[in-house]
Amino acid sequence: PIAGERPLWDFPDGTLAAREVAAYAVSEALGWDIVPPTALGDGPHGPGMVQLWRDEVEDQAPVDIVGEGEVPDGFRHVFDGLDAHDQAVSLVHEDSEPLRRMALFDVVVNNADRKGGHVLPMADGHRHGVDHGLTFHVENKLRTVLWGFVGDAISAEEADGLRRLSAELDGELGATLSTMLADDEVETTRRRVARLLARGTFPGPRSSSYPVIPWPPF
């Protein structure tokens, strides 16, 4: 519910629910089924965001903490650090198509909070992303645990999705987002998509005063 949103210094009050719905609209335009169906609704605590529940597979961890340097087959290394017991560990994530697409989606929506627990593993191998209230800011705020693809070429299929999104942003999707986001936020989203297509590779962290990993990462 909007009434339960915690005020933040860098996002306008009362906008997080609408940002969740806007993220779903972008996911649908991409055609990648990243965000579960999400809508604005009214409930016992007033208007807010409602999202279709997805049952995740408990014994899978698309994002994980392992011993330092012990990167499992099929995973990408993100960074090294110390755990709560001062043991050397590495944060890793799957090297998979669903996570590649989620990483690109996060760049597009400027996701400031992609924690490991926001990646839901499905039994069929698909991965859903949830918790997209901190998105679409006009300033670069990308904070994510999915940095393992930095420098990889964007595939032809991924570029097709981004081109679909670009066309939709100039049409019906752009009009829809304008009912939930500020005009400059919609325009900045257009520019992020164009920059991704022009670059042709997964971007790395941009130099700024902001951290590029959400804290805590899970």
N, C-alpha and C. Protein backbone atom coordinates (compact mmCIF):
# COMPACT_ATOMS: atom_id res chain seq x y z
N PRO A 1 0.82 -1.21 0.00
CA PRO A 1 0.00 0.00 0.00
C PRO A 1 0.86 1.26 0.00
N ILE A 2 0.41 2.28 -0.72
CA ILE A 2 1.15 3.53 -0.78
C ILE A 2 1.30 4.14 0.62
N ALA A 3 0.28 3.97 1.44
CA ALA A 3 0.32 4.53 2.79
C ALA A 3 1.43 3.93 3.63
N GLY A 4 1.92 2.76 3.26
CA GLY A 4 2.98 2.10 4.02
C GLY A 4 4.37 2.33 3.46
N GLU A 5 4.50 3.12 2.39
CA GLU A 5 5.81 3.38 1.81
C GLU A 5 6.65 4.25 2.75
N ARG A 6 7.90 3.85 2.92
CA ARG A 6 8.82 4.62 3.75
C ARG A 6 9.39 5.78 2.95
N PRO A 7 9.29 7.01 3.43
CA PRO A 7 9.83 8.16 2.68
C PRO A 7 11.33 8.00 2.43
N LEU A 8 11.77 8.34 1.22
CA LEU A 8 13.17 8.25 0.83
C LEU A 8 13.64 9.64 0.40
N TRP A 9 14.91 9.93 0.62
CA TRP A 9 15.41 11.27 0.31
C TRP A 9 15.53 11.50 -1.19
N ASP A 10 15.69 10.42 -1.97
CA ASP A 10 15.98 10.60 -3.39
C ASP A 10 14.85 10.18 -4.32
N PHE A 11 13.75 9.67 -3.80
CA PHE A 11 12.58 9.34 -4.62
C PHE A 11 11.37 10.09 -4.07
N PRO A 12 10.53 10.63 -4.95
CA PRO A 12 9.35 11.36 -4.48
C PRO A 12 8.43 10.47 -3.64
N ASP A 13 7.86 11.03 -2.59
CA ASP A 13 6.96 10.27 -1.71
C ASP A 13 5.75 9.76 -2.48
N GLY A 14 5.32 8.55 -2.13
CA GLY A 14 4.09 8.00 -2.68
C GLY A 14 4.17 7.53 -4.12
N THR A 15 5.39 7.29 -4.64
CA THR A 15 5.52 6.90 -6.05
C THR A 15 5.99 5.47 -6.26
N LEU A 16 6.34 4.76 -5.19
CA LEU A 16 6.98 3.45 -5.36
C LEU A 16 6.03 2.42 -5.96
N ALA A 17 4.77 2.44 -5.57
CA ALA A 17 3.81 1.48 -6.12
C ALA A 17 3.67 1.65 -7.63
N ALA A 18 3.58 2.91 -8.07
CA ALA A 18 3.47 3.17 -9.51
C ALA A 18 4.72 2.74 -10.25
N ARG A 19 5.89 2.87 -9.63
CA ARG A 19 7.13 2.42 -10.26
C ARG A 19 7.15 0.90 -10.42
N GLU A 20 6.58 0.19 -9.46
CA GLU A 20 6.46 -1.27 -9.58
C GLU A 20 5.62 -1.63 -10.82
N VAL A 21 4.51 -0.93 -11.02
CA VAL A 21 3.63 -1.21 -12.15
C VAL A 21 4.32 -0.81 -13.46
N ALA A 22 5.04 0.30 -13.44
CA ALA A 22 5.78 0.74 -14.63
C ALA A 22 6.84 -0.29 -15.02
N ALA A 23 7.50 -0.88 -14.03
CA ALA A 23 8.52 -1.90 -14.31
C ALA A 23 7.88 -3.11 -14.98
N TYR A 24 6.69 -3.49 -14.54
CA TYR A 24 5.98 -4.60 -15.18
C TYR A 24 5.65 -4.26 -16.63
N ALA A 25 5.23 -3.03 -16.89
CA ALA A 25 4.89 -2.62 -18.25
C ALA A 25 6.12 -2.71 -19.16
N VAL A 26 7.29 -2.34 -18.66
CA VAL A 26 8.51 -2.45 -19.45
C VAL A 26 8.87 -3.91 -19.68
N SER A 27 8.72 -4.74 -18.66
CA SER A 27 8.98 -6.18 -18.80
C SER A 27 8.10 -6.80 -19.88
N GLU A 28 6.84 -6.41 -19.90
CA GLU A 28 5.92 -6.94 -20.91
C GLU A 28 6.31 -6.48 -22.31
N ALA A 29 6.72 -5.22 -22.44
CA ALA A 29 7.12 -4.71 -23.75
C ALA A 29 8.36 -5.43 -24.28
N LEU A 30 9.27 -5.78 -23.38
CA LEU A 30 10.45 -6.53 -23.78
C LEU A 30 10.09 -7.96 -24.21
N GLY A 31 8.99 -8.49 -23.65
CA GLY A 31 8.56 -9.84 -23.97
C GLY A 31 9.35 -10.92 -23.24
N TRP A 32 9.98 -10.56 -22.11
CA TRP A 32 10.87 -11.49 -21.41
C TRP A 32 10.27 -12.05 -20.12
N ASP A 33 9.07 -11.65 -19.74
CA ASP A 33 8.39 -12.21 -18.56
C ASP A 33 9.27 -12.15 -17.31
N ILE A 34 9.89 -11.01 -17.09
CA ILE A 34 10.74 -10.87 -15.91
C ILE A 34 9.90 -10.58 -14.67
N VAL A 35 9.02 -9.60 -14.77
CA VAL A 35 8.22 -9.17 -13.61
C VAL A 35 6.88 -9.87 -13.64
N PRO A 36 6.47 -10.52 -12.54
CA PRO A 36 5.13 -11.12 -12.49
C PRO A 36 4.06 -10.05 -12.70
N PRO A 37 2.88 -10.44 -13.18
CA PRO A 37 1.80 -9.46 -13.39
C PRO A 37 1.59 -8.56 -12.18
N THR A 38 1.58 -7.26 -12.45
CA THR A 38 1.56 -6.25 -11.39
C THR A 38 0.57 -5.15 -11.78
N ALA A 39 -0.22 -4.69 -10.83
CA ALA A 39 -1.21 -3.67 -11.13
C ALA A 39 -1.42 -2.79 -9.90
N LEU A 40 -2.02 -1.63 -10.12
CA LEU A 40 -2.46 -0.80 -9.01
C LEU A 40 -3.85 -1.24 -8.59
N GLY A 41 -4.08 -1.32 -7.29
CA GLY A 41 -5.38 -1.75 -6.79
C GLY A 41 -5.71 -1.04 -5.50
N ASP A 42 -6.85 -1.41 -4.92
CA ASP A 42 -7.30 -0.82 -3.66
C ASP A 42 -7.53 -1.94 -2.67
N GLY A 43 -7.03 -1.76 -1.45
CA GLY A 43 -7.17 -2.79 -0.43
C GLY A 43 -7.53 -2.22 0.90
N PRO A 44 -7.44 -3.02 1.96
CA PRO A 44 -7.86 -2.57 3.29
C PRO A 44 -7.03 -1.40 3.82
N HIS A 45 -5.84 -1.18 3.26
CA HIS A 45 -5.00 -0.06 3.70
C HIS A 45 -4.92 1.02 2.63
N GLY A 46 -5.86 1.00 1.69
CA GLY A 46 -5.90 2.02 0.66
C GLY A 46 -5.26 1.56 -0.64
N PRO A 47 -5.08 2.47 -1.59
CA PRO A 47 -4.51 2.11 -2.89
C PRO A 47 -3.05 1.70 -2.77
N GLY A 48 -2.63 0.85 -3.70
CA GLY A 48 -1.24 0.40 -3.71
C GLY A 48 -0.99 -0.56 -4.84
N MET A 49 0.13 -1.26 -4.75
CA MET A 49 0.54 -2.22 -5.78
C MET A 49 0.17 -3.63 -5.35
N VAL A 50 -0.33 -4.41 -6.30
CA VAL A 50 -0.60 -5.83 -6.06
C VAL A 50 0.08 -6.63 -7.16
N GLN A 51 0.70 -7.75 -6.78
CA GLN A 51 1.48 -8.54 -7.73
C GLN A 51 1.15 -10.02 -7.56
N LEU A 52 1.07 -10.71 -8.70
CA LEU A 52 0.78 -12.14 -8.68
C LEU A 52 1.90 -12.90 -7.98
N TRP A 53 1.52 -13.75 -7.03
CA TRP A 53 2.51 -14.52 -6.27
C TRP A 53 3.12 -15.60 -7.14
N ARG A 54 4.45 -15.79 -7.01
CA ARG A 54 5.16 -16.86 -7.70
C ARG A 54 5.84 -17.75 -6.65
N ASP A 55 5.61 -19.06 -6.74
CA ASP A 55 6.25 -20.01 -5.83
C ASP A 55 7.64 -20.34 -6.35
N GLU A 56 8.67 -19.95 -5.60
CA GLU A 56 10.03 -20.23 -6.04
C GLU A 56 10.50 -21.60 -5.56
N VAL A 57 11.52 -22.12 -6.23
CA VAL A 57 12.12 -23.40 -5.87
C VAL A 57 13.12 -23.15 -4.75
N GLU A 58 12.91 -23.78 -3.60
CA GLU A 58 13.70 -23.46 -2.42
C GLU A 58 15.15 -23.92 -2.51
N ASP A 59 15.43 -24.98 -3.27
CA ASP A 59 16.79 -25.54 -3.28
C ASP A 59 17.66 -25.00 -4.41
N GLN A 60 17.24 -23.92 -5.06
CA GLN A 60 18.04 -23.28 -6.10
C GLN A 60 18.41 -21.87 -5.64
N ALA A 61 19.62 -21.45 -6.02
CA ALA A 61 20.09 -20.12 -5.65
C ALA A 61 20.75 -19.48 -6.86
N PRO A 62 19.99 -18.74 -7.67
CA PRO A 62 20.58 -18.09 -8.84
C PRO A 62 21.68 -17.10 -8.48
N VAL A 63 21.59 -16.51 -7.28
CA VAL A 63 22.64 -15.65 -6.75
C VAL A 63 23.08 -16.25 -5.42
N ASP A 64 24.39 -16.37 -5.20
CA ASP A 64 24.84 -17.12 -4.03
C ASP A 64 26.15 -16.55 -3.49
N ILE A 65 26.47 -16.95 -2.26
CA ILE A 65 27.74 -16.66 -1.63
C ILE A 65 28.50 -17.97 -1.49
N VAL A 66 29.74 -18.00 -1.98
CA VAL A 66 30.57 -19.21 -1.92
C VAL A 66 31.92 -18.83 -1.32
N GLY A 67 32.75 -19.85 -1.03
CA GLY A 67 34.10 -19.56 -0.56
C GLY A 67 34.87 -18.79 -1.62
N GLU A 68 35.75 -17.91 -1.20
CA GLU A 68 36.47 -17.05 -2.14
C GLU A 68 37.15 -17.88 -3.24
N GLY A 69 36.85 -17.53 -4.49
CA GLY A 69 37.44 -18.21 -5.63
C GLY A 69 36.80 -19.52 -6.00
N GLU A 70 35.80 -19.96 -5.23
CA GLU A 70 35.17 -21.26 -5.49
C GLU A 70 33.92 -21.07 -6.36
N VAL A 71 34.11 -20.54 -7.55
CA VAL A 71 32.98 -20.23 -8.44
C VAL A 71 32.48 -21.53 -9.08
N PRO A 72 31.22 -21.91 -8.85
CA PRO A 72 30.70 -23.17 -9.42
C PRO A 72 30.61 -23.09 -10.94
N ASP A 73 30.62 -24.24 -11.59
CA ASP A 73 30.40 -24.28 -13.03
C ASP A 73 29.05 -23.65 -13.35
N GLY A 74 29.01 -22.87 -14.42
CA GLY A 74 27.76 -22.24 -14.82
C GLY A 74 27.45 -20.96 -14.07
N PHE A 75 28.41 -20.44 -13.31
CA PHE A 75 28.20 -19.20 -12.55
C PHE A 75 29.24 -18.16 -12.96
N ARG A 76 28.94 -16.90 -12.67
CA ARG A 76 29.83 -15.78 -12.91
C ARG A 76 30.24 -15.16 -11.57
N HIS A 77 31.49 -14.75 -11.49
CA HIS A 77 32.00 -14.08 -10.29
C HIS A 77 31.63 -12.60 -10.34
N VAL A 78 31.21 -12.05 -9.19
CA VAL A 78 30.86 -10.63 -9.11
C VAL A 78 31.88 -9.87 -8.27
N PHE A 79 32.04 -10.25 -7.00
CA PHE A 79 33.05 -9.59 -6.17
C PHE A 79 33.40 -10.47 -4.99
N ASP A 80 34.52 -10.13 -4.33
CA ASP A 80 34.99 -10.84 -3.14
C ASP A 80 34.78 -9.95 -1.92
N GLY A 81 34.65 -10.59 -0.77
CA GLY A 81 34.49 -9.84 0.47
C GLY A 81 34.63 -10.76 1.67
N LEU A 82 34.18 -10.27 2.81
CA LEU A 82 34.21 -11.03 4.06
C LEU A 82 32.79 -11.22 4.56
N ASP A 83 32.51 -12.42 5.10
CA ASP A 83 31.18 -12.66 5.65
C ASP A 83 31.13 -12.19 7.10
N ALA A 84 30.02 -12.49 7.77
CA ALA A 84 29.82 -12.02 9.15
C ALA A 84 30.84 -12.60 10.12
N HIS A 85 31.54 -13.68 9.69
CA HIS A 85 32.56 -14.32 10.54
C HIS A 85 33.97 -14.01 10.04
N ASP A 86 34.08 -12.99 9.19
CA ASP A 86 35.36 -12.56 8.63
C ASP A 86 36.02 -13.63 7.77
N GLN A 87 35.20 -14.50 7.18
CA GLN A 87 35.71 -15.49 6.25
C GLN A 87 35.67 -14.94 4.83
N ALA A 88 36.70 -15.21 4.04
CA ALA A 88 36.76 -14.72 2.67
C ALA A 88 35.73 -15.44 1.81
N VAL A 89 34.89 -14.67 1.13
CA VAL A 89 33.82 -15.26 0.30
C VAL A 89 33.75 -14.51 -1.03
N SER A 90 33.01 -15.12 -1.96
CA SER A 90 32.74 -14.51 -3.26
C SER A 90 31.25 -14.49 -3.51
N LEU A 91 30.75 -13.40 -4.09
CA LEU A 91 29.37 -13.37 -4.55
C LEU A 91 29.36 -13.78 -6.02
N VAL A 92 28.47 -14.70 -6.35
CA VAL A 92 28.38 -15.24 -7.71
C VAL A 92 26.93 -15.27 -8.15
N HIS A 93 26.71 -15.34 -9.47
CA HIS A 93 25.36 -15.55 -9.98
C HIS A 93 25.41 -16.45 -11.21
N GLU A 94 24.26 -17.02 -11.53
CA GLU A 94 24.16 -17.91 -12.68
C GLU A 94 24.59 -17.21 -13.97
N ASP A 95 25.20 -18.00 -14.84
CA ASP A 95 25.49 -17.55 -16.20
C ASP A 95 24.37 -18.12 -17.08
N SER A 96 23.22 -17.45 -17.07
CA SER A 96 22.04 -18.00 -17.73
C SER A 96 21.32 -16.92 -18.53
N GLU A 97 20.53 -17.35 -19.50
CA GLU A 97 19.78 -16.40 -20.32
C GLU A 97 18.79 -15.59 -19.49
N PRO A 98 18.02 -16.21 -18.57
CA PRO A 98 17.10 -15.39 -17.77
C PRO A 98 17.80 -14.29 -16.97
N LEU A 99 19.00 -14.58 -16.43
CA LEU A 99 19.69 -13.55 -15.66
C LEU A 99 20.34 -12.51 -16.56
N ARG A 100 20.77 -12.90 -17.76
CA ARG A 100 21.25 -11.90 -18.72
C ARG A 100 20.15 -10.89 -19.02
N ARG A 101 18.96 -11.41 -19.29
CA ARG A 101 17.84 -10.53 -19.61
C ARG A 101 17.46 -9.66 -18.42
N MET A 102 17.52 -10.23 -17.23
CA MET A 102 17.20 -9.44 -16.04
C MET A 102 18.23 -8.33 -15.84
N ALA A 103 19.50 -8.63 -16.10
CA ALA A 103 20.54 -7.60 -15.97
C ALA A 103 20.31 -6.46 -16.95
N LEU A 104 19.92 -6.77 -18.18
CA LEU A 104 19.62 -5.72 -19.16
C LEU A 104 18.38 -4.93 -18.74
N PHE A 105 17.36 -5.64 -18.27
CA PHE A 105 16.15 -4.98 -17.77
C PHE A 105 16.50 -3.99 -16.67
N ASP A 106 17.39 -4.39 -15.75
CA ASP A 106 17.77 -3.52 -14.64
C ASP A 106 18.46 -2.26 -15.14
N VAL A 107 19.26 -2.39 -16.20
CA VAL A 107 19.89 -1.20 -16.78
C VAL A 107 18.82 -0.26 -17.33
N VAL A 108 17.85 -0.83 -18.05
CA VAL A 108 16.80 -0.03 -18.68
C VAL A 108 16.00 0.75 -17.63
N VAL A 109 15.58 0.06 -16.57
CA VAL A 109 14.72 0.72 -15.56
C VAL A 109 15.54 1.41 -14.47
N ASN A 110 16.88 1.31 -14.58
CA ASN A 110 17.77 1.95 -13.60
C ASN A 110 17.45 1.45 -12.19
N ASN A 111 17.48 0.14 -12.03
CA ASN A 111 17.10 -0.49 -10.77
C ASN A 111 18.15 -0.21 -9.69
N ALA A 112 17.73 0.42 -8.63
CA ALA A 112 18.65 0.78 -7.55
C ALA A 112 18.70 -0.26 -6.44
N ASP A 113 18.08 -1.44 -6.65
CA ASP A 113 17.99 -2.38 -5.52
C ASP A 113 17.81 -3.82 -5.99
N ARG A 114 18.68 -4.32 -6.89
CA ARG A 114 18.60 -5.73 -7.30
C ARG A 114 19.43 -6.58 -6.35
N LYS A 115 18.77 -7.00 -5.26
CA LYS A 115 19.40 -7.91 -4.30
C LYS A 115 19.25 -9.36 -4.76
N GLY A 116 20.04 -10.25 -4.16
CA GLY A 116 19.96 -11.66 -4.51
C GLY A 116 18.60 -12.26 -4.24
N GLY A 117 17.95 -11.82 -3.16
CA GLY A 117 16.64 -12.35 -2.82
C GLY A 117 15.52 -11.86 -3.70
N HIS A 118 15.82 -10.91 -4.59
CA HIS A 118 14.82 -10.40 -5.52
C HIS A 118 14.80 -11.18 -6.83
N VAL A 119 15.60 -12.26 -6.90
CA VAL A 119 15.63 -13.15 -8.06
C VAL A 119 14.97 -14.46 -7.65
N LEU A 120 13.81 -14.76 -8.24
CA LEU A 120 13.04 -15.93 -7.85
C LEU A 120 13.24 -17.07 -8.85
N PRO A 121 13.81 -18.21 -8.42
CA PRO A 121 13.99 -19.35 -9.32
C PRO A 121 12.69 -20.14 -9.48
N MET A 122 12.29 -20.37 -10.72
CA MET A 122 11.11 -21.17 -11.01
C MET A 122 11.53 -22.60 -11.35
N ALA A 123 10.60 -23.53 -11.17
CA ALA A 123 10.91 -24.94 -11.37
C ALA A 123 11.31 -25.25 -12.80
N ASP A 124 10.82 -24.46 -13.78
CA ASP A 124 11.13 -24.72 -15.18
C ASP A 124 12.43 -24.06 -15.64
N GLY A 125 13.16 -23.45 -14.72
CA GLY A 125 14.42 -22.79 -15.06
C GLY A 125 14.29 -21.30 -15.30
N HIS A 126 13.05 -20.81 -15.38
CA HIS A 126 12.86 -19.37 -15.55
C HIS A 126 13.17 -18.65 -14.24
N ARG A 127 13.52 -17.37 -14.33
CA ARG A 127 13.77 -16.57 -13.15
C ARG A 127 12.95 -15.29 -13.23
N HIS A 128 12.19 -15.02 -12.17
CA HIS A 128 11.43 -13.79 -12.08
C HIS A 128 12.18 -12.80 -11.20
N GLY A 129 12.00 -11.52 -11.49
CA GLY A 129 12.54 -10.47 -10.66
C GLY A 129 11.40 -9.73 -9.96
N VAL A 130 11.59 -9.40 -8.69
CA VAL A 130 10.58 -8.68 -7.92
C VAL A 130 11.24 -7.52 -7.18
N ASP A 131 10.40 -6.66 -6.62
CA ASP A 131 10.81 -5.51 -5.82
C ASP A 131 11.44 -4.43 -6.70
N HIS A 132 10.59 -3.71 -7.44
CA HIS A 132 11.06 -2.71 -8.38
C HIS A 132 10.55 -1.30 -8.04
N GLY A 133 10.41 -1.02 -6.76
CA GLY A 133 9.97 0.31 -6.37
C GLY A 133 11.03 1.38 -6.60
N LEU A 134 12.31 1.00 -6.50
CA LEU A 134 13.39 1.97 -6.63
C LEU A 134 13.94 1.93 -8.06
N THR A 135 13.15 2.46 -8.98
CA THR A 135 13.48 2.39 -10.40
C THR A 135 13.15 3.72 -11.08
N PHE A 136 13.68 3.86 -12.30
CA PHE A 136 13.34 4.96 -13.22
C PHE A 136 13.84 6.33 -12.77
N HIS A 137 14.78 6.39 -11.85
CA HIS A 137 15.31 7.69 -11.46
C HIS A 137 16.08 8.29 -12.64
N VAL A 138 16.07 9.61 -12.75
CA VAL A 138 16.78 10.26 -13.87
C VAL A 138 18.29 10.23 -13.67
N GLU A 139 18.76 10.10 -12.42
CA GLU A 139 20.19 9.98 -12.16
C GLU A 139 20.57 8.50 -12.16
N ASN A 140 21.83 8.23 -12.53
CA ASN A 140 22.28 6.84 -12.53
C ASN A 140 22.32 6.30 -11.11
N LYS A 141 21.50 5.28 -10.84
CA LYS A 141 21.45 4.68 -9.51
C LYS A 141 21.51 3.15 -9.57
N LEU A 142 22.02 2.61 -10.66
CA LEU A 142 22.02 1.16 -10.83
C LEU A 142 22.85 0.48 -9.75
N ARG A 143 22.16 -0.26 -8.89
CA ARG A 143 22.80 -1.06 -7.84
C ARG A 143 22.27 -2.48 -7.99
N THR A 144 23.18 -3.41 -8.24
CA THR A 144 22.75 -4.76 -8.58
C THR A 144 23.81 -5.78 -8.21
N VAL A 145 23.38 -7.02 -7.97
CA VAL A 145 24.31 -8.12 -7.77
C VAL A 145 24.57 -8.86 -9.08
N LEU A 146 24.04 -8.36 -10.19
CA LEU A 146 24.16 -9.06 -11.48
C LEU A 146 25.21 -8.40 -12.39
N TRP A 147 26.38 -8.08 -11.85
CA TRP A 147 27.42 -7.42 -12.63
C TRP A 147 28.30 -8.42 -13.39
N GLY A 148 28.01 -9.70 -13.31
CA GLY A 148 28.90 -10.70 -13.90
C GLY A 148 28.97 -10.70 -15.42
N PHE A 149 28.04 -9.99 -16.07
CA PHE A 149 28.01 -9.99 -17.54
C PHE A 149 28.72 -8.78 -18.15
N VAL A 150 29.35 -7.95 -17.34
CA VAL A 150 29.96 -6.71 -17.83
C VAL A 150 30.89 -7.00 -19.02
N GLY A 151 30.70 -6.27 -20.11
CA GLY A 151 31.54 -6.41 -21.28
C GLY A 151 31.08 -7.43 -22.29
N ASP A 152 30.13 -8.30 -21.90
CA ASP A 152 29.60 -9.29 -22.84
C ASP A 152 28.82 -8.60 -23.95
N ALA A 153 28.88 -9.16 -25.14
CA ALA A 153 28.10 -8.63 -26.25
C ALA A 153 26.62 -8.92 -26.03
N ILE A 154 25.78 -7.96 -26.34
CA ILE A 154 24.33 -8.17 -26.32
C ILE A 154 23.97 -9.03 -27.52
N SER A 155 23.24 -10.13 -27.28
CA SER A 155 22.92 -11.07 -28.36
C SER A 155 21.89 -10.48 -29.31
N ALA A 156 21.74 -11.12 -30.47
CA ALA A 156 20.75 -10.66 -31.46
C ALA A 156 19.35 -10.71 -30.87
N GLU A 157 19.04 -11.77 -30.12
CA GLU A 157 17.71 -11.88 -29.52
C GLU A 157 17.48 -10.80 -28.47
N GLU A 158 18.50 -10.52 -27.68
CA GLU A 158 18.38 -9.47 -26.66
C GLU A 158 18.22 -8.10 -27.32
N ALA A 159 18.96 -7.87 -28.39
CA ALA A 159 18.84 -6.59 -29.11
C ALA A 159 17.45 -6.45 -29.72
N ASP A 160 16.86 -7.56 -30.21
CA ASP A 160 15.51 -7.52 -30.74
C ASP A 160 14.53 -7.05 -29.67
N GLY A 161 14.68 -7.58 -28.45
CA GLY A 161 13.80 -7.16 -27.36
C GLY A 161 13.96 -5.69 -27.05
N LEU A 162 15.19 -5.21 -27.04
CA LEU A 162 15.43 -3.79 -26.77
C LEU A 162 14.86 -2.90 -27.87
N ARG A 163 14.94 -3.37 -29.13
CA ARG A 163 14.35 -2.59 -30.22
C ARG A 163 12.83 -2.57 -30.12
N ARG A 164 12.22 -3.69 -29.72
CA ARG A 164 10.77 -3.70 -29.48
C ARG A 164 10.40 -2.68 -28.42
N LEU A 165 11.18 -2.68 -27.36
CA LEU A 165 10.92 -1.75 -26.26
C LEU A 165 11.07 -0.31 -26.73
N SER A 166 12.10 -0.03 -27.52
CA SER A 166 12.31 1.32 -28.01
C SER A 166 11.11 1.80 -28.83
N ALA A 167 10.60 0.93 -29.68
CA ALA A 167 9.43 1.30 -30.48
C ALA A 167 8.21 1.53 -29.60
N GLU A 168 8.03 0.69 -28.59
CA GLU A 168 6.88 0.85 -27.69
C GLU A 168 6.98 2.13 -26.87
N LEU A 169 8.22 2.51 -26.50
CA LEU A 169 8.39 3.73 -25.72
C LEU A 169 8.01 4.97 -26.52
N ASP A 170 8.10 4.86 -27.84
CA ASP A 170 7.69 5.98 -28.69
C ASP A 170 6.19 5.94 -29.00
N GLY A 171 5.50 4.93 -28.47
CA GLY A 171 4.08 4.78 -28.74
C GLY A 171 3.27 4.60 -27.48
N GLU A 172 2.50 3.50 -27.45
CA GLU A 172 1.55 3.29 -26.36
C GLU A 172 2.22 3.14 -25.00
N LEU A 173 3.35 2.42 -24.95
CA LEU A 173 4.02 2.24 -23.67
C LEU A 173 4.47 3.59 -23.10
N GLY A 174 5.02 4.44 -23.96
CA GLY A 174 5.45 5.75 -23.49
C GLY A 174 4.30 6.54 -22.88
N ALA A 175 3.15 6.46 -23.51
CA ALA A 175 1.97 7.16 -22.98
C ALA A 175 1.54 6.56 -21.65
N THR A 176 1.60 5.24 -21.54
CA THR A 176 1.23 4.57 -20.29
C THR A 176 2.17 4.95 -19.16
N LEU A 177 3.47 4.92 -19.45
CA LEU A 177 4.44 5.26 -18.41
C LEU A 177 4.29 6.70 -17.95
N SER A 178 3.86 7.57 -18.84
CA SER A 178 3.69 8.98 -18.48
C SER A 178 2.59 9.20 -17.46
N THR A 179 1.69 8.21 -17.30
CA THR A 179 0.66 8.31 -16.27
C THR A 179 1.17 7.87 -14.91
N MET A 180 2.36 7.25 -14.87
CA MET A 180 2.91 6.73 -13.62
C MET A 180 4.24 7.36 -13.23
N LEU A 181 4.95 7.92 -14.21
CA LEU A 181 6.27 8.48 -13.99
C LEU A 181 6.30 9.93 -14.47
N ALA A 182 7.31 10.66 -14.04
CA ALA A 182 7.51 12.03 -14.53
C ALA A 182 7.99 11.98 -15.98
N ASP A 183 7.70 13.02 -16.73
CA ASP A 183 8.07 13.04 -18.15
C ASP A 183 9.57 12.87 -18.35
N ASP A 184 10.39 13.48 -17.49
CA ASP A 184 11.84 13.34 -17.67
C ASP A 184 12.31 11.93 -17.34
N GLU A 185 11.59 11.22 -16.48
CA GLU A 185 11.93 9.82 -16.19
C GLU A 185 11.65 8.93 -17.39
N VAL A 186 10.55 9.19 -18.10
CA VAL A 186 10.23 8.42 -19.30
C VAL A 186 11.26 8.71 -20.39
N GLU A 187 11.62 9.97 -20.57
CA GLU A 187 12.59 10.34 -21.59
C GLU A 187 13.97 9.74 -21.28
N THR A 188 14.36 9.74 -20.02
CA THR A 188 15.64 9.15 -19.64
C THR A 188 15.65 7.65 -19.89
N THR A 189 14.51 7.00 -19.71
CA THR A 189 14.41 5.57 -20.01
C THR A 189 14.64 5.34 -21.50
N ARG A 190 14.06 6.17 -22.34
CA ARG A 190 14.29 6.07 -23.79
C ARG A 190 15.79 6.16 -24.10
N ARG A 191 16.45 7.10 -23.46
CA ARG A 191 17.88 7.30 -23.72
C ARG A 191 18.70 6.11 -23.25
N ARG A 192 18.32 5.50 -22.14
CA ARG A 192 19.06 4.33 -21.67
C ARG A 192 18.95 3.18 -22.67
N VAL A 193 17.77 2.97 -23.23
CA VAL A 193 17.59 1.91 -24.22
C VAL A 193 18.44 2.20 -25.46
N ALA A 194 18.39 3.43 -25.93
CA ALA A 194 19.18 3.81 -27.11
C ALA A 194 20.67 3.63 -26.85
N ARG A 195 21.12 3.96 -25.66
CA ARG A 195 22.54 3.82 -25.32
C ARG A 195 22.95 2.35 -25.30
N LEU A 196 22.09 1.49 -24.75
CA LEU A 196 22.39 0.06 -24.74
C LEU A 196 22.53 -0.49 -26.17
N LEU A 197 21.60 -0.12 -27.04
CA LEU A 197 21.63 -0.61 -28.42
C LEU A 197 22.86 -0.08 -29.15
N ALA A 198 23.21 1.18 -28.92
CA ALA A 198 24.37 1.76 -29.59
C ALA A 198 25.67 1.13 -29.09
N ARG A 199 25.73 0.84 -27.80
CA ARG A 199 26.94 0.27 -27.21
C ARG A 199 27.12 -1.18 -27.62
N GLY A 200 26.03 -1.96 -27.57
CA GLY A 200 26.08 -3.35 -27.99
C GLY A 200 26.68 -4.32 -27.00
N THR A 201 27.01 -3.84 -25.80
CA THR A 201 27.57 -4.70 -24.76
C THR A 201 26.93 -4.36 -23.42
N PHE A 202 27.07 -5.29 -22.47
CA PHE A 202 26.59 -5.06 -21.11
C PHE A 202 27.48 -4.00 -20.45
N PRO A 203 26.89 -2.94 -19.93
CA PRO A 203 27.71 -1.88 -19.33
C PRO A 203 28.25 -2.29 -17.97
N GLY A 204 29.33 -1.63 -17.57
CA GLY A 204 29.86 -1.81 -16.23
C GLY A 204 29.41 -0.69 -15.33
N PRO A 205 29.79 -0.75 -14.06
CA PRO A 205 29.43 0.32 -13.13
C PRO A 205 29.99 1.66 -13.60
N ARG A 206 29.18 2.70 -13.50
CA ARG A 206 29.62 4.04 -13.87
C ARG A 206 30.16 4.75 -12.63
N SER A 207 31.21 5.50 -12.81
CA SER A 207 31.83 6.21 -11.69
C SER A 207 30.85 7.22 -11.11
N SER A 208 30.61 7.10 -9.82
CA SER A 208 29.72 8.04 -9.14
C SER A 208 29.97 7.95 -7.65
N SER A 209 29.27 8.75 -6.91
CA SER A 209 29.41 8.72 -5.46
C SER A 209 28.51 7.67 -4.82
N TYR A 210 27.74 6.95 -5.64
CA TYR A 210 26.83 5.95 -5.11
C TYR A 210 27.45 4.56 -5.17
N PRO A 211 27.14 3.69 -4.20
CA PRO A 211 27.60 2.30 -4.30
C PRO A 211 26.91 1.60 -5.45
N VAL A 212 27.58 0.60 -6.05
CA VAL A 212 27.00 -0.10 -7.19
C VAL A 212 26.47 -1.47 -6.79
N ILE A 213 26.64 -1.87 -5.54
CA ILE A 213 26.06 -3.11 -4.99
C ILE A 213 25.06 -2.71 -3.92
N PRO A 214 23.82 -3.24 -3.96
CA PRO A 214 22.88 -2.91 -2.88
C PRO A 214 23.37 -3.49 -1.55
N TRP A 215 23.05 -2.81 -0.49
CA TRP A 215 23.46 -3.30 0.84
C TRP A 215 22.27 -3.41 1.76
N PRO A 216 22.09 -4.61 2.38
CA PRO A 216 22.89 -5.82 2.14
C PRO A 216 22.58 -6.41 0.76
N PRO A 217 23.51 -7.24 0.22
CA PRO A 217 23.27 -7.79 -1.12
C PRO A 217 22.17 -8.86 -1.15
N PHE A 218 21.74 -9.34 0.01
CA PHE A 218 20.63 -10.30 0.08
C PHE A 218 19.56 -9.77 1.03
